Protein backbone atom coordinates (compact mmCIF):
# COMPACT_ATOMS: atom_id res chain seq x y z
CA UNK A 1 -0.05 0.02 0.02
CA UNK A 2 1.41 3.36 -0.79
CA UNK A 3 0.57 6.29 0.90
CA UNK A 4 0.08 9.88 -0.58
CA UNK A 5 0.00 13.38 0.52
CA UNK A 6 -2.16 16.12 -0.42
CA UNK A 7 -2.43 19.83 0.74
CA UNK A 8 -5.78 20.82 1.91
CA UNK A 9 -4.89 24.16 2.55
CA UNK A 10 -1.87 26.20 2.94
CA UNK A 11 -0.21 24.38 6.06
CA UNK A 12 -2.50 21.69 6.11
CA UNK A 13 -1.76 18.14 4.54
CA UNK A 14 -4.08 15.04 4.53
CA UNK A 15 -2.48 11.49 4.00
CA UNK A 16 -3.90 8.94 1.98
CA UNK A 17 -3.42 5.10 1.86
CA UNK A 18 -4.25 3.30 -1.49
CA UNK A 19 -4.97 -0.16 -2.10
CA UNK A 20 -2.75 -2.08 -4.82
CA UNK A 21 -5.64 -1.62 -7.21
CA UNK A 22 -6.42 2.29 -7.00
CA UNK A 23 -2.44 2.47 -6.87
CA UNK A 24 -2.10 0.63 -10.26
CA UNK A 25 -4.60 2.89 -11.67
CA UNK A 26 -3.39 5.96 -10.59
CA UNK A 27 -0.02 5.06 -11.92
CA UNK A 28 -1.51 4.21 -15.34
CA UNK A 29 -3.34 7.50 -15.53
CA UNK A 30 -0.45 9.41 -14.37
CA UNK A 31 1.89 7.89 -16.92
CA UNK A 32 -0.39 8.12 -19.76
CA UNK A 33 -1.30 12.08 -19.33
CA UNK A 34 2.03 13.02 -17.51
CA UNK A 35 0.27 13.97 -14.01
CA UNK A 36 1.63 13.49 -10.84
CA UNK A 37 -0.09 11.12 -8.54
CA UNK A 38 -0.81 13.66 -5.79
CA UNK A 39 -2.56 15.76 -8.47
CA UNK A 40 -4.44 12.93 -9.82
CA UNK A 41 -6.09 11.91 -6.41
CA UNK A 42 -6.44 15.80 -5.70
CA UNK A 43 -8.51 16.07 -8.83
CA UNK A 44 -10.64 13.25 -7.87
CA UNK A 45 -11.43 14.28 -4.54
CA UNK A 46 -11.87 18.22 -5.18
CA UNK A 47 -12.45 19.13 -8.80
CA UNK A 48 -15.20 16.83 -9.67
CA UNK A 49 -17.52 18.66 -7.03
CA UNK A 50 -16.82 21.95 -8.46
CA UNK A 51 -17.12 20.72 -11.97
CA UNK A 52 -20.39 19.37 -11.58
CA UNK A 53 -21.47 23.10 -9.98
CA UNK A 54 -20.23 24.63 -12.79
CA UNK A 55 -21.77 22.12 -15.04
CA UNK A 56 -25.52 22.62 -13.87
CA UNK A 57 -24.77 26.25 -13.89
CA UNK A 58 -24.03 26.26 -17.73
CA UNK A 59 -26.54 23.97 -18.51
CA UNK A 60 -29.02 25.92 -16.70
CA UNK A 61 -27.92 28.86 -18.78
CA UNK A 62 -27.80 27.12 -21.90
CA UNK A 63 -31.45 26.11 -21.08
CA UNK A 64 -32.59 29.41 -20.57
CA UNK A 65 -30.96 30.67 -23.67
CA UNK A 66 -32.45 27.89 -25.87
CA UNK A 67 -35.98 28.91 -24.13
CA UNK A 68 -35.34 32.35 -25.31
CA UNK A 69 -34.29 31.38 -28.91
CA UNK A 70 -37.22 29.29 -29.07
CA UNK A 71 -39.46 32.02 -28.16
CA UNK A 72 -37.76 34.44 -30.34
CA UNK A 73 -37.84 31.89 -33.45
CA UNK A 74 -41.46 31.64 -32.91
CA UNK A 75 -42.16 35.57 -33.24
CA UNK A 76 -39.66 35.50 -36.53
CA UNK A 77 -41.77 32.73 -37.91
CA UNK A 78 -44.93 34.36 -37.33
CA UNK A 79 -43.65 37.57 -39.18
CA UNK A 80 -42.15 35.66 -42.03
CA UNK A 81 -45.61 33.67 -42.52
CA UNK A 82 -47.56 37.12 -42.67
CA UNK A 83 -44.83 38.50 -45.14
CA UNK A 84 -45.19 35.26 -47.18
CA UNK A 85 -49.28 35.47 -47.18
CA UNK A 86 -48.74 39.46 -48.30
CA UNK A 87 -46.24 38.55 -50.89
CA UNK A 88 -48.62 35.95 -52.36
CA UNK A 89 -51.44 38.30 -52.34
CA UNK A 90 -49.50 41.03 -53.99
CA UNK A 91 -48.36 38.51 -56.68
CA UNK A 92 -52.17 37.45 -57.19
CA UNK A 93 -53.22 41.19 -57.79
CA UNK A 94 -49.94 41.77 -60.18
CA UNK A 95 -50.94 38.93 -62.27
CA UNK A 96 -54.71 40.30 -62.26
CA UNK A 97 -53.46 43.55 -63.15
CA UNK A 98 -51.42 42.07 -65.91
CA UNK A 99 -54.41 40.46 -67.31
CA UNK A 100 -56.42 43.74 -67.50
CA UNK A 101 -53.38 45.77 -69.01
CA UNK A 102 -52.77 43.01 -71.71
CA UNK A 103 -56.51 43.48 -72.60
CA UNK A 104 -56.14 47.32 -72.45
CA UNK A 105 -52.87 47.20 -74.49
CA UNK A 106 -54.99 44.89 -77.06
CA UNK A 107 -57.89 47.25 -77.40
CA UNK A 108 -55.54 50.15 -77.83
CA UNK A 109 -53.78 48.05 -80.70
CA UNK A 110 -57.03 47.33 -82.24
CA UNK A 111 -58.13 51.09 -82.29
CA UNK A 112 -54.73 52.08 -83.62
CA UNK A 113 -54.92 49.82 -86.52
CA UNK A 114 -58.54 51.15 -87.38
CA UNK A 115 -57.37 54.66 -87.41
CA UNK A 116 -54.32 53.96 -89.28
CA UNK A 117 -51.82 54.90 -86.57
CA UNK A 118 -48.51 53.88 -85.36
CA UNK A 119 -48.71 50.80 -83.10
CA UNK A 120 -47.06 51.85 -79.80
CA UNK A 121 -46.53 50.41 -76.19
CA UNK A 122 -44.73 46.83 -77.33
CA UNK A 123 -42.73 46.95 -74.36
CA UNK A 124 -45.78 47.52 -71.66
CA UNK A 125 -47.05 44.37 -73.46
CA UNK A 126 -44.39 42.20 -73.13
CA UNK A 127 -43.50 43.45 -69.49
CA UNK A 128 -47.50 42.71 -68.57
CA UNK A 129 -47.07 39.18 -70.32
CA UNK A 130 -43.69 38.45 -68.20
CA UNK A 131 -45.76 39.32 -64.95
CA UNK A 132 -48.40 37.35 -65.94
CA UNK A 133 -46.41 34.09 -66.73
CA UNK A 134 -44.21 34.53 -64.21
CA UNK A 135 -44.34 31.59 -61.62
CA UNK A 136 -45.28 32.19 -57.91
CA UNK A 137 -43.25 30.51 -55.57
CA UNK A 138 -44.58 29.04 -52.05
């Protein structure tokens, strides 16, 4: 059995006796990670409790942050949904106006032919057809 001495304060020291199984495990860990045996026992005794408290605090912070982000996501999704609906409605209105405009341009062209005037507004007709036949994305 090996005895390990650990400082537990500025002047205090504690000594521990290790059985052969734990002694072998500590030596193996010490050799693998190049850490003194005293430090391994100290980490096992003291740091684990502090890490658990820190982990719990960090976990609570992360859960709170996640909850906040989820609430924010729902608000953004609601805004996005209403914007998509408005865009869809506007696109539908544009198509309706394109149909009306194409009808008026055709009527204008017919009247200009009857009056033997120069045809105009071909660009407007092409633009109206573009909006009429554009594909609405959902």
